[in-house]
Amino acid sequence: QVQLVESGGGLVQPGGSLRLSCAASGFTFSSYAMSWYRQAPGKERELVATITSAGGSRNYADSVKGRFTISRDNAKNTVYLQMIRLTPEDTAVYYCNTVTNRRTYWGQGTQVTVSS
C-alpha cells in the first residue's frame, strides 16, 4: 500500500531554515508528481509546492516563492522541501501528497513552528 512518511519538522526561530523529507513507498515513485501542502491552525489546507515525476518542473505558492525549494531523489523515493527565511506565518503542519491512479494519498504530517 502507498505510504508517505514526513520528517524534519520542528521549532525554528524566525529567519531560520528547515528541510522536510517525505519517504514514499508502495508505488512507482519516479512515475508520479509529488506535492507539499500545509495547514495552519484554523485555516484550510493549502498547496505549497509541486514537482513533476522527473523533477523537471516545479511550482510554488506565491507566499513561498524564493524561500522554499522542492526537490526529489527518485533513487531514494524521497521528496524534500527546503525552507529558508521562515516566518511565523509558515507555522503549520506540512503534508506530503501524491495522486496515483486517481487516488489521493497523504502522509501523517510534520509540525513546523516558527517562533522566537
N, C-alpha and C. Protein backbone atom coordinates (compact mmCIF):
# COMPACT_ATOMS: atom_id res chain seq x y z
N GLN A 1 0.83 -1.18 0.00
CA GLN A 1 0.00 0.00 0.00
C GLN A 1 0.88 1.25 0.00
N VAL A 2 0.30 2.33 -0.49
CA VAL A 2 1.02 3.59 -0.56
C VAL A 2 1.25 4.13 0.85
N GLN A 3 2.48 4.51 1.11
CA GLN A 3 2.82 5.15 2.38
C GLN A 3 3.68 6.37 2.11
N LEU A 4 3.36 7.43 2.81
CA LEU A 4 4.14 8.67 2.75
C LEU A 4 4.47 9.04 4.20
N VAL A 5 5.74 9.17 4.48
CA VAL A 5 6.17 9.43 5.86
C VAL A 5 7.05 10.68 5.88
N GLU A 6 6.51 11.74 6.48
CA GLU A 6 7.23 13.00 6.58
C GLU A 6 8.13 13.03 7.81
N SER A 7 9.17 13.82 7.71
CA SER A 7 10.06 14.06 8.84
C SER A 7 10.76 15.39 8.65
N GLY A 8 11.39 15.86 9.71
CA GLY A 8 12.20 17.07 9.61
C GLY A 8 11.58 18.32 10.19
N GLY A 9 10.34 18.23 10.65
CA GLY A 9 9.72 19.41 11.25
C GLY A 9 10.33 19.72 12.61
N GLY A 10 9.91 20.85 13.16
CA GLY A 10 10.41 21.24 14.47
C GLY A 10 10.16 22.70 14.75
N LEU A 11 10.80 23.17 15.80
CA LEU A 11 10.71 24.56 16.21
C LEU A 11 11.93 25.31 15.68
N VAL A 12 11.69 26.43 15.04
CA VAL A 12 12.78 27.22 14.48
C VAL A 12 12.47 28.69 14.69
N GLN A 13 13.52 29.48 14.85
CA GLN A 13 13.33 30.91 15.04
C GLN A 13 13.04 31.60 13.71
N PRO A 14 12.37 32.72 13.75
CA PRO A 14 12.15 33.48 12.51
C PRO A 14 13.48 33.76 11.81
N GLY A 15 13.46 33.57 10.49
CA GLY A 15 14.67 33.73 9.71
C GLY A 15 15.46 32.45 9.55
N GLY A 16 15.06 31.42 10.28
CA GLY A 16 15.76 30.15 10.23
C GLY A 16 15.37 29.28 9.04
N SER A 17 15.95 28.08 9.03
CA SER A 17 15.74 27.15 7.92
C SER A 17 15.40 25.76 8.44
N LEU A 18 14.70 25.02 7.62
CA LEU A 18 14.41 23.61 7.89
C LEU A 18 14.35 22.89 6.57
N ARG A 19 14.65 21.60 6.61
CA ARG A 19 14.43 20.76 5.43
C ARG A 19 13.52 19.61 5.83
N LEU A 20 12.40 19.53 5.15
CA LEU A 20 11.47 18.43 5.35
C LEU A 20 11.76 17.32 4.35
N SER A 21 11.51 16.10 4.78
CA SER A 21 11.66 14.93 3.90
C SER A 21 10.37 14.13 3.91
N CYS A 22 10.11 13.47 2.82
CA CYS A 22 8.96 12.58 2.72
C CYS A 22 9.42 11.31 2.03
N ALA A 23 9.44 10.22 2.79
CA ALA A 23 9.82 8.93 2.24
C ALA A 23 8.57 8.22 1.73
N ALA A 24 8.62 7.81 0.48
CA ALA A 24 7.47 7.19 -0.16
C ALA A 24 7.72 5.70 -0.42
N SER A 25 6.64 4.94 -0.37
CA SER A 25 6.72 3.52 -0.68
C SER A 25 5.38 3.03 -1.15
N GLY A 26 5.38 1.87 -1.80
CA GLY A 26 4.13 1.24 -2.22
C GLY A 26 3.64 1.62 -3.61
N PHE A 27 4.43 2.42 -4.32
CA PHE A 27 4.08 2.78 -5.69
C PHE A 27 5.36 3.15 -6.43
N THR A 28 5.24 3.30 -7.73
CA THR A 28 6.41 3.63 -8.55
C THR A 28 6.66 5.12 -8.44
N PHE A 29 7.46 5.47 -7.45
CA PHE A 29 7.67 6.87 -7.08
C PHE A 29 8.08 7.73 -8.27
N SER A 30 8.96 7.22 -9.09
CA SER A 30 9.52 8.03 -10.18
C SER A 30 8.50 8.34 -11.28
N SER A 31 7.31 7.76 -11.20
CA SER A 31 6.30 7.97 -12.23
C SER A 31 5.29 9.06 -11.88
N TYR A 32 5.35 9.59 -10.68
CA TYR A 32 4.29 10.49 -10.21
C TYR A 32 4.82 11.80 -9.66
N ALA A 33 4.05 12.85 -9.93
CA ALA A 33 4.33 14.12 -9.31
C ALA A 33 4.11 14.02 -7.80
N MET A 34 4.80 14.87 -7.09
CA MET A 34 4.69 14.92 -5.64
C MET A 34 4.46 16.37 -5.21
N SER A 35 3.75 16.51 -4.12
CA SER A 35 3.44 17.86 -3.63
C SER A 35 3.61 17.95 -2.12
N TRP A 36 3.83 19.18 -1.68
CA TRP A 36 3.77 19.51 -0.27
C TRP A 36 2.59 20.46 -0.05
N TYR A 37 1.82 20.17 0.98
CA TYR A 37 0.75 21.04 1.42
C TYR A 37 1.04 21.44 2.86
N ARG A 38 0.31 22.44 3.33
CA ARG A 38 0.39 22.79 4.74
C ARG A 38 -0.97 23.26 5.23
N GLN A 39 -1.15 23.09 6.53
CA GLN A 39 -2.40 23.54 7.16
C GLN A 39 -2.07 24.19 8.48
N ALA A 40 -2.38 25.48 8.55
CA ALA A 40 -2.19 26.24 9.77
C ALA A 40 -3.44 26.15 10.63
N PRO A 41 -3.31 26.37 11.92
CA PRO A 41 -4.48 26.29 12.81
C PRO A 41 -5.60 27.21 12.33
N GLY A 42 -6.80 26.65 12.21
CA GLY A 42 -7.96 27.43 11.82
C GLY A 42 -8.04 27.79 10.36
N LYS A 43 -7.12 27.25 9.57
CA LYS A 43 -7.11 27.55 8.13
C LYS A 43 -7.25 26.29 7.32
N GLU A 44 -7.61 26.47 6.05
CA GLU A 44 -7.72 25.34 5.16
C GLU A 44 -6.33 24.87 4.72
N ARG A 45 -6.26 23.61 4.34
CA ARG A 45 -5.01 23.07 3.81
C ARG A 45 -4.71 23.76 2.48
N GLU A 46 -3.45 24.16 2.29
CA GLU A 46 -3.09 24.85 1.06
C GLU A 46 -1.90 24.19 0.40
N LEU A 47 -1.88 24.27 -0.93
CA LEU A 47 -0.78 23.72 -1.70
C LEU A 47 0.43 24.64 -1.58
N VAL A 48 1.57 24.05 -1.25
CA VAL A 48 2.81 24.81 -1.10
C VAL A 48 3.69 24.68 -2.34
N ALA A 49 3.91 23.45 -2.78
CA ALA A 49 4.81 23.23 -3.91
C ALA A 49 4.53 21.88 -4.54
N THR A 50 4.82 21.81 -5.84
CA THR A 50 4.65 20.57 -6.60
C THR A 50 5.86 20.37 -7.48
N ILE A 51 6.25 19.11 -7.63
CA ILE A 51 7.35 18.76 -8.53
C ILE A 51 6.90 17.61 -9.41
N THR A 52 7.24 17.68 -10.70
CA THR A 52 6.85 16.63 -11.62
C THR A 52 7.67 15.36 -11.39
N SER A 53 7.29 14.31 -12.07
CA SER A 53 7.85 12.99 -11.77
C SER A 53 9.37 12.93 -11.92
N ALA A 54 9.89 13.58 -12.95
CA ALA A 54 11.34 13.56 -13.17
C ALA A 54 12.03 14.78 -12.57
N GLY A 55 11.24 15.64 -11.97
CA GLY A 55 11.81 16.83 -11.34
C GLY A 55 12.06 17.98 -12.27
N GLY A 56 11.58 17.88 -13.50
CA GLY A 56 11.89 18.92 -14.47
C GLY A 56 11.08 20.19 -14.32
N SER A 57 9.98 20.12 -13.60
CA SER A 57 9.13 21.30 -13.42
C SER A 57 8.68 21.38 -11.97
N ARG A 58 8.71 22.60 -11.45
CA ARG A 58 8.31 22.84 -10.07
C ARG A 58 7.43 24.07 -10.02
N ASN A 59 6.44 24.03 -9.15
CA ASN A 59 5.55 25.18 -8.97
C ASN A 59 5.41 25.45 -7.48
N TYR A 60 5.23 26.74 -7.18
CA TYR A 60 5.17 27.16 -5.78
C TYR A 60 4.02 28.11 -5.54
N ALA A 61 3.52 28.08 -4.33
CA ALA A 61 2.57 29.10 -3.90
C ALA A 61 3.30 30.44 -3.85
N ASP A 62 2.58 31.50 -4.16
CA ASP A 62 3.20 32.83 -4.16
C ASP A 62 3.85 33.15 -2.81
N SER A 63 3.24 32.67 -1.75
CA SER A 63 3.71 33.01 -0.41
C SER A 63 5.07 32.40 -0.07
N VAL A 64 5.51 31.41 -0.84
CA VAL A 64 6.78 30.75 -0.51
C VAL A 64 7.82 30.89 -1.62
N LYS A 65 7.44 31.47 -2.74
CA LYS A 65 8.39 31.61 -3.85
C LYS A 65 9.63 32.36 -3.40
N GLY A 66 10.77 31.81 -3.79
CA GLY A 66 12.03 32.44 -3.43
C GLY A 66 12.55 32.02 -2.07
N ARG A 67 11.73 31.33 -1.30
CA ARG A 67 12.16 30.88 0.04
C ARG A 67 12.14 29.36 0.17
N PHE A 68 11.23 28.71 -0.51
CA PHE A 68 11.12 27.26 -0.42
C PHE A 68 11.57 26.63 -1.73
N THR A 69 12.17 25.45 -1.62
CA THR A 69 12.58 24.69 -2.80
C THR A 69 12.16 23.25 -2.63
N ILE A 70 11.39 22.76 -3.60
CA ILE A 70 11.01 21.36 -3.61
C ILE A 70 11.98 20.60 -4.51
N SER A 71 12.36 19.41 -4.08
CA SER A 71 13.25 18.57 -4.87
C SER A 71 12.92 17.11 -4.59
N ARG A 72 13.49 16.25 -5.39
CA ARG A 72 13.24 14.83 -5.19
C ARG A 72 14.45 14.02 -5.58
N ASP A 73 14.55 12.85 -4.96
CA ASP A 73 15.59 11.89 -5.29
C ASP A 73 14.86 10.58 -5.63
N ASN A 74 14.72 10.31 -6.89
CA ASN A 74 13.96 9.13 -7.31
C ASN A 74 14.68 7.83 -6.95
N ALA A 75 15.97 7.88 -6.75
CA ALA A 75 16.69 6.68 -6.33
C ALA A 75 16.40 6.34 -4.87
N LYS A 76 16.02 7.36 -4.09
CA LYS A 76 15.72 7.15 -2.68
C LYS A 76 14.23 7.22 -2.38
N ASN A 77 13.42 7.40 -3.41
CA ASN A 77 11.95 7.51 -3.23
C ASN A 77 11.61 8.56 -2.18
N THR A 78 12.26 9.70 -2.30
CA THR A 78 12.09 10.74 -1.30
C THR A 78 11.92 12.10 -1.97
N VAL A 79 11.01 12.88 -1.41
CA VAL A 79 10.83 14.25 -1.84
C VAL A 79 11.16 15.16 -0.66
N TYR A 80 11.73 16.31 -0.98
CA TYR A 80 12.20 17.23 0.04
C TYR A 80 11.54 18.60 -0.11
N LEU A 81 11.53 19.33 0.99
CA LEU A 81 11.13 20.73 0.95
C LEU A 81 12.14 21.51 1.79
N GLN A 82 13.00 22.24 1.09
CA GLN A 82 13.96 23.10 1.77
C GLN A 82 13.31 24.45 2.01
N MET A 83 13.31 24.89 3.25
CA MET A 83 12.64 26.14 3.62
C MET A 83 13.66 27.07 4.26
N ILE A 84 13.75 28.28 3.75
CA ILE A 84 14.66 29.28 4.32
C ILE A 84 13.86 30.53 4.65
N ARG A 85 14.49 31.42 5.41
CA ARG A 85 13.86 32.70 5.80
C ARG A 85 12.44 32.47 6.30
N LEU A 86 12.32 31.54 7.21
CA LEU A 86 11.00 31.19 7.74
C LEU A 86 10.43 32.32 8.58
N THR A 87 9.12 32.46 8.51
CA THR A 87 8.40 33.46 9.29
C THR A 87 7.32 32.77 10.12
N PRO A 88 6.79 33.46 11.12
CA PRO A 88 5.72 32.83 11.91
C PRO A 88 4.52 32.40 11.06
N GLU A 89 4.33 33.08 9.93
CA GLU A 89 3.21 32.71 9.05
C GLU A 89 3.42 31.36 8.37
N ASP A 90 4.61 30.83 8.45
CA ASP A 90 4.88 29.49 7.90
C ASP A 90 4.55 28.38 8.89
N THR A 91 4.18 28.74 10.10
CA THR A 91 3.81 27.75 11.10
C THR A 91 2.59 26.96 10.64
N ALA A 92 2.74 25.65 10.59
CA ALA A 92 1.67 24.78 10.09
C ALA A 92 2.12 23.32 10.20
N VAL A 93 1.17 22.45 9.98
CA VAL A 93 1.51 21.04 9.75
C VAL A 93 1.71 20.88 8.25
N TYR A 94 2.84 20.30 7.89
CA TYR A 94 3.19 20.12 6.48
C TYR A 94 2.96 18.67 6.08
N TYR A 95 2.27 18.50 4.96
CA TYR A 95 1.88 17.18 4.48
C TYR A 95 2.48 16.91 3.10
N CYS A 96 2.91 15.69 2.94
CA CYS A 96 3.34 15.18 1.64
C CYS A 96 2.11 14.60 0.94
N ASN A 97 2.08 14.71 -0.38
CA ASN A 97 0.89 14.30 -1.13
C ASN A 97 1.26 13.75 -2.49
N THR A 98 0.50 12.75 -2.93
CA THR A 98 0.60 12.32 -4.30
C THR A 98 -0.75 11.81 -4.75
N VAL A 99 -0.94 11.79 -6.05
CA VAL A 99 -2.16 11.23 -6.65
C VAL A 99 -1.72 10.14 -7.61
N THR A 100 -2.11 8.92 -7.35
CA THR A 100 -1.78 7.80 -8.22
C THR A 100 -3.06 7.06 -8.58
N ASN A 101 -3.21 6.76 -9.86
CA ASN A 101 -4.41 6.04 -10.31
C ASN A 101 -5.69 6.68 -9.77
N ARG A 102 -5.72 8.00 -9.79
CA ARG A 102 -6.87 8.80 -9.39
C ARG A 102 -7.17 8.74 -7.90
N ARG A 103 -6.26 8.20 -7.12
CA ARG A 103 -6.44 8.20 -5.67
C ARG A 103 -5.43 9.14 -5.04
N THR A 104 -5.89 9.86 -4.06
CA THR A 104 -5.05 10.84 -3.37
C THR A 104 -4.54 10.25 -2.07
N TYR A 105 -3.24 10.44 -1.85
CA TYR A 105 -2.62 9.92 -0.65
C TYR A 105 -1.94 11.05 0.11
N TRP A 106 -2.00 10.95 1.45
CA TRP A 106 -1.39 11.93 2.33
C TRP A 106 -0.50 11.23 3.35
N GLY A 107 0.54 11.93 3.75
CA GLY A 107 1.30 11.47 4.90
C GLY A 107 0.61 11.91 6.18
N GLN A 108 1.24 11.62 7.31
CA GLN A 108 0.65 11.95 8.61
C GLN A 108 0.93 13.40 9.00
N GLY A 109 1.85 14.02 8.30
CA GLY A 109 2.17 15.42 8.56
C GLY A 109 3.33 15.58 9.54
N THR A 110 4.00 16.70 9.41
CA THR A 110 5.07 17.06 10.34
C THR A 110 4.89 18.53 10.72
N GLN A 111 4.98 18.81 12.01
CA GLN A 111 4.72 20.15 12.52
C GLN A 111 5.93 21.04 12.34
N VAL A 112 5.70 22.21 11.78
CA VAL A 112 6.72 23.25 11.69
C VAL A 112 6.21 24.45 12.49
N THR A 113 6.98 24.86 13.46
CA THR A 113 6.63 26.01 14.28
C THR A 113 7.75 27.04 14.20
N VAL A 114 7.38 28.24 13.78
CA VAL A 114 8.35 29.32 13.66
C VAL A 114 8.03 30.35 14.74
N SER A 115 8.91 30.43 15.71
CA SER A 115 8.65 31.30 16.85
C SER A 115 9.95 31.64 17.55
N SER A 116 9.99 32.83 18.11
CA SER A 116 11.15 33.24 18.89
C SER A 116 10.92 32.94 20.37
